[in-house]
Amino acid sequence: MKIAALCIGAPEVTDGVSHSTGIFKRPVAGLVRVGTEGIVGDHIGDRENHGGVDQSVYLEGSISLDWWEKELGFPYQPGMFGENLVVEGLDNREVIVGDRFIIGDLVLEVTSCRIPCNTFARRMDDPKFVKRYWQAARPGVYCRVITAGEIADGRAVEYRRFEGARVPLPEMMVNFGRKLAPEDRARYLAAPVHWKLRRELEGQSD
């Protein structure tokens, strides 16, 4: 695997949104620094719902984006979904919480799936896109930064599978906002899930 595209977003404003957004990401060349809060220079507008240490880098797999290109009916441009990284040879449907992507010194750990929002629908100029994204069941991948480092387009990516409790991202997407059965809640809590989800699950009763 390798980085097929490295994208960052500048602050922009869309209709119906009071804050700026960084969802309009575009490919960049050269070395880029990645710290615990994400890629240096990448704008995050709504910090209440986006960004933070447990979703500091967002990536999409090229296999999933190839599928989307056919679904959309026009060429996919890197950054169109607001992703920071496109990983060549990755299928989003196969990713589980705890998987790691190692790029030189940089170590990323999967924490959660992408949940589509209205800003995403406006970005795609399709009011029904949130529903389309849910139905596709190919959610994008949020990661925390375990070890900071520098990355660049074209660099090799080592994909290391998590060997603990399995929480597939498509399943996590389906279960978003639902109360889990005790055995499923225990399985989720045994994986390195996003801190917000962990807090929510720890507050649920049997």
C-alpha atoms as a PDB file:
ATOM      1  CA  MET A   1       0.000   0.000   0.000  1.00  0.00           C
ATOM      2  CA  LYS A   2       0.979   3.625  -0.419  1.00  0.00           C
ATOM      3  CA  ILE A   3      -0.403   7.137  -0.056  1.00  0.00           C
ATOM      4  CA  ALA A   4      -2.232   7.822  -3.312  1.00  0.00           C
ATOM      5  CA  ALA A   5      -3.106  11.383  -2.260  1.00  0.00           C
ATOM      6  CA  LEU A   6      -2.399  13.718   0.649  1.00  0.00           C
ATOM      7  CA  CYS A   7      -4.985  16.470   1.078  1.00  0.00           C
ATOM      8  CA  ILE A   8      -5.524  19.484   3.327  1.00  0.00           C
ATOM      9  CA  GLY A   9      -8.284  22.093   3.519  1.00  0.00           C
ATOM     10  CA  ALA A  10      -8.269  25.857   3.889  1.00  0.00           C
ATOM     11  CA  PRO A  11     -11.131  27.606   5.725  1.00  0.00           C
ATOM     12  CA  GLU A  12     -14.161  28.166   3.503  1.00  0.00           C
ATOM     13  CA  VAL A  13     -17.764  29.122   4.174  1.00  0.00           C
ATOM     14  CA  THR A  14     -20.807  27.369   2.725  1.00  0.00           C
ATOM     15  CA  ASP A  15     -24.437  28.477   2.634  1.00  0.00           C
ATOM     16  CA  GLY A  16     -26.393  27.756   5.791  1.00  0.00           C
ATOM     17  CA  VAL A  17     -23.311  27.317   8.015  1.00  0.00           C
ATOM     18  CA  SER A  18     -22.263  29.922  10.579  1.00  0.00           C
ATOM     19  CA  HIS A  19     -18.684  28.661  10.910  1.00  0.00           C
ATOM     20  CA  SER A  20     -15.983  27.978   8.362  1.00  0.00           C
ATOM     21  CA  THR A  21     -15.303  24.447   7.176  1.00  0.00           C
ATOM     22  CA  GLY A  22     -12.225  22.579   6.032  1.00  0.00           C
ATOM     23  CA  ILE A  23     -14.119  19.914   4.086  1.00  0.00           C
ATOM     24  CA  PHE A  24     -12.964  21.326   0.746  1.00  0.00           C
ATOM     25  CA  LYS A  25      -9.623  19.536   0.723  1.00  0.00           C
ATOM     26  CA  ARG A  26      -7.130  19.553  -2.129  1.00  0.00           C
ATOM     27  CA  PRO A  27      -4.014  17.477  -2.845  1.00  0.00           C
ATOM     28  CA  VAL A  28      -0.654  18.870  -1.779  1.00  0.00           C
ATOM     29  CA  ALA A  29       2.900  17.898  -2.677  1.00  0.00           C
ATOM     30  CA  GLY A  30       5.961  17.658  -0.481  1.00  0.00           C
ATOM     31  CA  LEU A  31       6.479  16.797   3.153  1.00  0.00           C
ATOM     32  CA  VAL A  32       3.678  17.541   5.610  1.00  0.00           C
ATOM     33  CA  ARG A  33       3.928  17.337   9.396  1.00  0.00           C
ATOM     34  CA  VAL A  34       1.350  15.287  11.311  1.00  0.00           C
ATOM     35  CA  GLY A  35       0.973  15.892  15.052  1.00  0.00           C
ATOM     36  CA  THR A  36      -1.443  14.609  17.669  1.00  0.00           C
ATOM     37  CA  GLU A  37      -4.121  17.096  16.528  1.00  0.00           C
ATOM     38  CA  GLY A  38      -3.753  16.192  12.867  1.00  0.00           C
ATOM     39  CA  ILE A  39      -2.045  17.497   9.760  1.00  0.00           C
ATOM     40  CA  VAL A  40      -0.364  20.851  10.204  1.00  0.00           C
ATOM     41  CA  GLY A  41      -2.155  23.456   8.083  1.00  0.00           C
ATOM     42  CA  ASP A  42      -5.406  21.483   7.740  1.00  0.00           C
ATOM     43  CA  HIS A  43      -8.375  23.601   8.820  1.00  0.00           C
ATOM     44  CA  ILE A  44     -11.093  22.224  11.120  1.00  0.00           C
ATOM     45  CA  GLY A  45     -14.087  24.518  11.552  1.00  0.00           C
ATOM     46  CA  ASP A  46     -16.576  22.669  13.765  1.00  0.00           C
ATOM     47  CA  ARG A  47     -14.302  21.421  16.521  1.00  0.00           C
ATOM     48  CA  GLU A  48     -17.217  20.279  18.635  1.00  0.00           C
ATOM     49  CA  ASN A  49     -17.962  17.484  16.158  1.00  0.00           C
ATOM     50  CA  HIS A  50     -14.740  17.165  14.156  1.00  0.00           C
ATOM     51  CA  GLY A  51     -11.050  16.895  14.848  1.00  0.00           C
ATOM     52  CA  GLY A  52      -9.510  16.254  18.243  1.00  0.00           C
ATOM     53  CA  VAL A  53      -7.003  13.645  19.283  1.00  0.00           C
ATOM     54  CA  ASP A  54      -9.203  10.648  18.418  1.00  0.00           C
ATOM     55  CA  GLN A  55     -10.165  11.773  14.931  1.00  0.00           C
ATOM     56  CA  SER A  56      -7.145  13.809  13.977  1.00  0.00           C
ATOM     57  CA  VAL A  57      -6.597  12.166  10.565  1.00  0.00           C
ATOM     58  CA  TYR A  58      -9.326  11.040   8.173  1.00  0.00           C
ATOM     59  CA  LEU A  59      -8.603   8.568   5.406  1.00  0.00           C
ATOM     60  CA  GLU A  60     -10.352   6.799   2.563  1.00  0.00           C
ATOM     61  CA  GLY A  61      -9.318   3.631   0.741  1.00  0.00           C
ATOM     62  CA  SER A  62      -8.835   3.726  -3.021  1.00  0.00           C
ATOM     63  CA  ILE A  63     -10.961   0.589  -3.507  1.00  0.00           C
ATOM     64  CA  SER A  64     -13.905   2.290  -1.828  1.00  0.00           C
ATOM     65  CA  LEU A  65     -13.362   5.469  -3.834  1.00  0.00           C
ATOM     66  CA  ASP A  66     -13.245   3.482  -7.091  1.00  0.00           C
ATOM     67  CA  TRP A  67     -16.674   2.131  -6.152  1.00  0.00           C
ATOM     68  CA  TRP A  68     -17.909   5.662  -5.419  1.00  0.00           C
ATOM     69  CA  GLU A  69     -16.621   6.921  -8.752  1.00  0.00           C
ATOM     70  CA  LYS A  70     -18.905   4.438 -10.536  1.00  0.00           C
ATOM     71  CA  GLU A  71     -21.778   5.243  -8.161  1.00  0.00           C
ATOM     72  CA  LEU A  72     -21.412   8.994  -8.655  1.00  0.00           C
ATOM     73  CA  GLY A  73     -21.024   8.768 -12.400  1.00  0.00           C
ATOM     74  CA  PHE A  74     -18.122  11.211 -12.643  1.00  0.00           C
ATOM     75  CA  PRO A  75     -14.375  11.129 -11.837  1.00  0.00           C
ATOM     76  CA  TYR A  76     -13.497  11.210  -8.157  1.00  0.00           C
ATOM     77  CA  GLN A  77     -11.104  13.987  -7.219  1.00  0.00           C
ATOM     78  CA  PRO A  78      -8.821  13.414  -4.185  1.00  0.00           C
ATOM     79  CA  GLY A  79     -10.144  15.297  -1.168  1.00  0.00           C
ATOM     80  CA  MET A  80     -13.737  15.316  -2.426  1.00  0.00           C
ATOM     81  CA  PHE A  81     -15.010  13.528   0.696  1.00  0.00           C
ATOM     82  CA  GLY A  82     -12.897  15.716   2.974  1.00  0.00           C
ATOM     83  CA  GLU A  83     -10.268  13.032   3.469  1.00  0.00           C
ATOM     84  CA  ASN A  84      -6.678  13.759   4.443  1.00  0.00           C
ATOM     85  CA  LEU A  85      -5.272  10.564   2.972  1.00  0.00           C
ATOM     86  CA  VAL A  86      -6.209   8.217   0.173  1.00  0.00           C
ATOM     87  CA  VAL A  87      -4.584   4.831   0.804  1.00  0.00           C
ATOM     88  CA  GLU A  88      -4.046   2.830  -2.356  1.00  0.00           C
ATOM     89  CA  GLY A  89      -5.310  -0.760  -2.168  1.00  0.00           C
ATOM     90  CA  LEU A  90      -7.486  -0.245   0.933  1.00  0.00           C
ATOM     91  CA  ASP A  91     -11.161  -1.262   1.137  1.00  0.00           C
ATOM     92  CA  ASN A  92     -12.947   0.677   3.889  1.00  0.00           C
ATOM     93  CA  ARG A  93     -15.303  -2.243   4.517  1.00  0.00           C
ATOM     94  CA  GLU A  94     -12.414  -4.375   5.822  1.00  0.00           C
ATOM     95  CA  VAL A  95     -11.111  -1.888   8.395  1.00  0.00           C
ATOM     96  CA  ILE A  96     -11.681  -2.475  12.108  1.00  0.00           C
ATOM     97  CA  VAL A  97     -11.059  -0.320  15.161  1.00  0.00           C
ATOM     98  CA  GLY A  98      -7.461  -0.705  16.311  1.00  0.00           C
ATOM     99  CA  ASP A  99      -5.951  -1.309  12.875  1.00  0.00           C
ATOM    100  CA  ARG A 100      -2.797   0.725  12.341  1.00  0.00           C
ATOM    101  CA  PHE A 101      -1.321   2.531   9.357  1.00  0.00           C
ATOM    102  CA  ILE A 102       2.429   3.076   9.594  1.00  0.00           C
ATOM    103  CA  ILE A 103       4.058   5.605   7.266  1.00  0.00           C
ATOM    104  CA  GLY A 104       7.703   6.099   8.131  1.00  0.00           C
ATOM    105  CA  ASP A 105       7.741   7.401  11.719  1.00  0.00           C
ATOM    106  CA  LEU A 106       4.023   8.196  11.654  1.00  0.00           C
ATOM    107  CA  VAL A 107       1.715   5.687  13.339  1.00  0.00           C
ATOM    108  CA  LEU A 108      -2.071   6.061  12.960  1.00  0.00           C
ATOM    109  CA  GLU A 109      -4.616   3.965  14.871  1.00  0.00           C
ATOM    110  CA  VAL A 110      -8.230   3.541  13.766  1.00  0.00           C
ATOM    111  CA  THR A 111     -10.758   4.818  16.311  1.00  0.00           C
ATOM    112  CA  SER A 112     -14.087   5.218  14.530  1.00  0.00           C
ATOM    113  CA  CYS A 113     -16.033   5.441  11.294  1.00  0.00           C
ATOM    114  CA  ARG A 114     -17.119   8.566   9.473  1.00  0.00           C
ATOM    115  CA  ILE A 115     -20.710   9.621  10.181  1.00  0.00           C
ATOM    116  CA  PRO A 116     -22.022  11.749   7.288  1.00  0.00           C
ATOM    117  CA  CYS A 117     -23.406  15.208   8.068  1.00  0.00           C
ATOM    118  CA  ASN A 118     -25.237  18.016   6.303  1.00  0.00           C
ATOM    119  CA  THR A 119     -21.973  19.833   5.548  1.00  0.00           C
ATOM    120  CA  PHE A 120     -20.902  16.729   3.635  1.00  0.00           C
ATOM    121  CA  ALA A 121     -24.174  16.797   1.663  1.00  0.00           C
ATOM    122  CA  ARG A 122     -23.636  20.459   0.807  1.00  0.00           C
ATOM    123  CA  ARG A 123     -20.081  19.683  -0.251  1.00  0.00           C
ATOM    124  CA  MET A 124     -21.449  17.041  -2.641  1.00  0.00           C
ATOM    125  CA  ASP A 125     -24.252  19.374  -3.776  1.00  0.00           C
ATOM    126  CA  ASP A 126     -26.729  16.574  -3.072  1.00  0.00           C
ATOM    127  CA  PRO A 127     -29.306  16.924  -0.252  1.00  0.00           C
ATOM    128  CA  LYS A 128     -29.780  13.144  -0.297  1.00  0.00           C
ATOM    129  CA  PHE A 129     -26.094  12.317  -0.033  1.00  0.00           C
ATOM    130  CA  VAL A 130     -26.139  11.601   3.697  1.00  0.00           C
ATOM    131  CA  LYS A 131     -28.646   8.801   3.046  1.00  0.00           C
ATOM    132  CA  ARG A 132     -26.622   7.552   0.063  1.00  0.00           C
ATOM    133  CA  TYR A 133     -23.482   7.396   2.185  1.00  0.00           C
ATOM    134  CA  TRP A 134     -25.265   5.445   4.929  1.00  0.00           C
ATOM    135  CA  GLN A 135     -26.682   2.980   2.403  1.00  0.00           C
ATOM    136  CA  ALA A 136     -23.292   2.442   0.753  1.00  0.00           C
ATOM    137  CA  ALA A 137     -21.907   1.037   4.048  1.00  0.00           C
ATOM    138  CA  ARG A 138     -18.341   2.031   3.130  1.00  0.00           C
ATOM    139  CA  PRO A 139     -17.582   4.503   5.914  1.00  0.00           C
ATOM    140  CA  GLY A 140     -14.419   6.539   5.926  1.00  0.00           C
ATOM    141  CA  VAL A 141     -11.793   5.970   8.594  1.00  0.00           C
ATOM    142  CA  TYR A 142     -10.905   8.232  11.531  1.00  0.00           C
ATOM    143  CA  CYS A 143      -7.552   7.746  13.246  1.00  0.00           C
ATOM    144  CA  ARG A 144      -5.648   8.993  16.263  1.00  0.00           C
ATOM    145  CA  VAL A 145      -1.939   9.725  16.008  1.00  0.00           C
ATOM    146  CA  ILE A 146       0.110   7.309  18.119  1.00  0.00           C
ATOM    147  CA  THR A 147       3.471   8.627  16.921  1.00  0.00           C
ATOM    148  CA  ALA A 148       3.851  11.945  15.094  1.00  0.00           C
ATOM    149  CA  GLY A 149       5.838  12.205  11.888  1.00  0.00           C
ATOM    150  CA  GLU A 150       6.151  13.597   8.397  1.00  0.00           C
ATOM    151  CA  ILE A 151       4.412  12.180   5.347  1.00  0.00           C
ATOM    152  CA  ALA A 152       4.258  12.826   1.624  1.00  0.00           C
ATOM    153  CA  ASP A 153       2.286  11.666  -1.369  1.00  0.00           C
ATOM    154  CA  GLY A 154       3.549   8.321  -2.691  1.00  0.00           C
ATOM    155  CA  ARG A 155       5.074   7.055   0.541  1.00  0.00           C
ATOM    156  CA  ALA A 156       4.665   3.394   1.465  1.00  0.00           C
ATOM    157  CA  VAL A 157       1.994   2.457   3.994  1.00  0.00           C
ATOM    158  CA  GLU A 158       2.255  -0.579   6.257  1.00  0.00           C
ATOM    159  CA  TYR A 159      -1.200  -1.838   7.224  1.00  0.00           C
ATOM    160  CA  ARG A 160      -1.094  -3.670  10.558  1.00  0.00           C
ATOM    161  CA  ARG A 161      -4.240  -5.514  11.639  1.00  0.00           C
ATOM    162  CA  PHE A 162      -5.529  -5.208  15.196  1.00  0.00           C
ATOM    163  CA  GLU A 163      -5.450  -8.601  16.924  1.00  0.00           C
ATOM    164  CA  GLY A 164      -7.913  -7.833  19.723  1.00  0.00           C
ATOM    165  CA  ALA A 165     -11.697  -7.468  19.813  1.00  0.00           C
ATOM    166  CA  ARG A 166     -13.151  -6.959  16.335  1.00  0.00           C
ATOM    167  CA  VAL A 167     -15.277  -3.884  15.730  1.00  0.00           C
ATOM    168  CA  PRO A 168     -15.698  -3.474  11.944  1.00  0.00           C
ATOM    169  CA  LEU A 169     -16.376   0.076  10.807  1.00  0.00           C
ATOM    170  CA  PRO A 170     -19.485  -0.819   8.757  1.00  0.00           C
ATOM    171  CA  GLU A 171     -20.958  -2.425  11.885  1.00  0.00           C
ATOM    172  CA  MET A 172     -20.042   0.611  13.977  1.00  0.00           C
ATOM    173  CA  MET A 173     -21.840   2.798  11.460  1.00  0.00           C
ATOM    174  CA  VAL A 174     -25.003   0.675  11.628  1.00  0.00           C
ATOM    175  CA  ASN A 175     -24.943   0.791  15.444  1.00  0.00           C
ATOM    176  CA  PHE A 176     -24.389   4.545  15.661  1.00  0.00           C
ATOM    177  CA  GLY A 177     -26.652   6.022  18.344  1.00  0.00           C
ATOM    178  CA  ARG A 178     -28.068   2.644  19.375  1.00  0.00           C
ATOM    179  CA  LYS A 179     -27.884   0.929  22.727  1.00  0.00           C
ATOM    180  CA  LEU A 180     -25.717  -2.163  22.402  1.00  0.00           C
ATOM    181  CA  ALA A 181     -26.349  -5.576  23.874  1.00  0.00           C
ATOM    182  CA  PRO A 182     -24.068  -6.267  26.871  1.00  0.00           C
ATOM    183  CA  GLU A 183     -21.804  -8.635  24.920  1.00  0.00           C
ATOM    184  CA  ASP A 184     -21.408  -6.137  22.074  1.00  0.00           C
ATOM    185  CA  ARG A 185     -20.753  -3.274  24.469  1.00  0.00           C
ATOM    186  CA  ALA A 186     -18.008  -5.325  26.127  1.00  0.00           C
ATOM    187  CA  ARG A 187     -16.496  -6.060  22.715  1.00  0.00           C
ATOM    188  CA  TYR A 188     -16.498  -2.382  21.749  1.00  0.00           C
ATOM    189  CA  LEU A 189     -14.939  -1.362  25.058  1.00  0.00           C
ATOM    190  CA  ALA A 190     -12.189  -3.949  24.564  1.00  0.00           C
ATOM    191  CA  ALA A 191     -11.142  -2.128  21.382  1.00  0.00           C
ATOM    192  CA  PRO A 192      -9.447   1.315  21.235  1.00  0.00           C
ATOM    193  CA  VAL A 193     -12.627   3.142  20.217  1.00  0.00           C
ATOM    194  CA  HIS A 194     -13.022   6.926  20.067  1.00  0.00           C
ATOM    195  CA  TRP A 195     -13.167   8.473  23.532  1.00  0.00           C
ATOM    196  CA  LYS A 196     -16.661   9.919  23.007  1.00  0.00           C
ATOM    197  CA  LEU A 197     -18.070   6.513  22.105  1.00  0.00           C
ATOM    198  CA  ARG A 198     -16.220   4.923  25.031  1.00  0.00           C
ATOM    199  CA  ARG A 199     -17.744   7.444  27.423  1.00  0.00           C
ATOM    200  CA  GLU A 200     -21.204   6.809  25.974  1.00  0.00           C
ATOM    201  CA  LEU A 201     -20.866   3.024  26.224  1.00  0.00           C
ATOM    202  CA  GLU A 202     -19.531   3.175  29.779  1.00  0.00           C
ATOM    203  CA  GLY A 203     -22.645   5.133  30.716  1.00  0.00           C
ATOM    204  CA  GLN A 204     -25.046   2.514  29.330  1.00  0.00           C
ATOM    205  CA  SER A 205     -26.675   0.008  31.663  1.00  0.00           C
ATOM    206  CA  ASP A 206     -27.575  -3.609  30.894  1.00  0.00           C
END
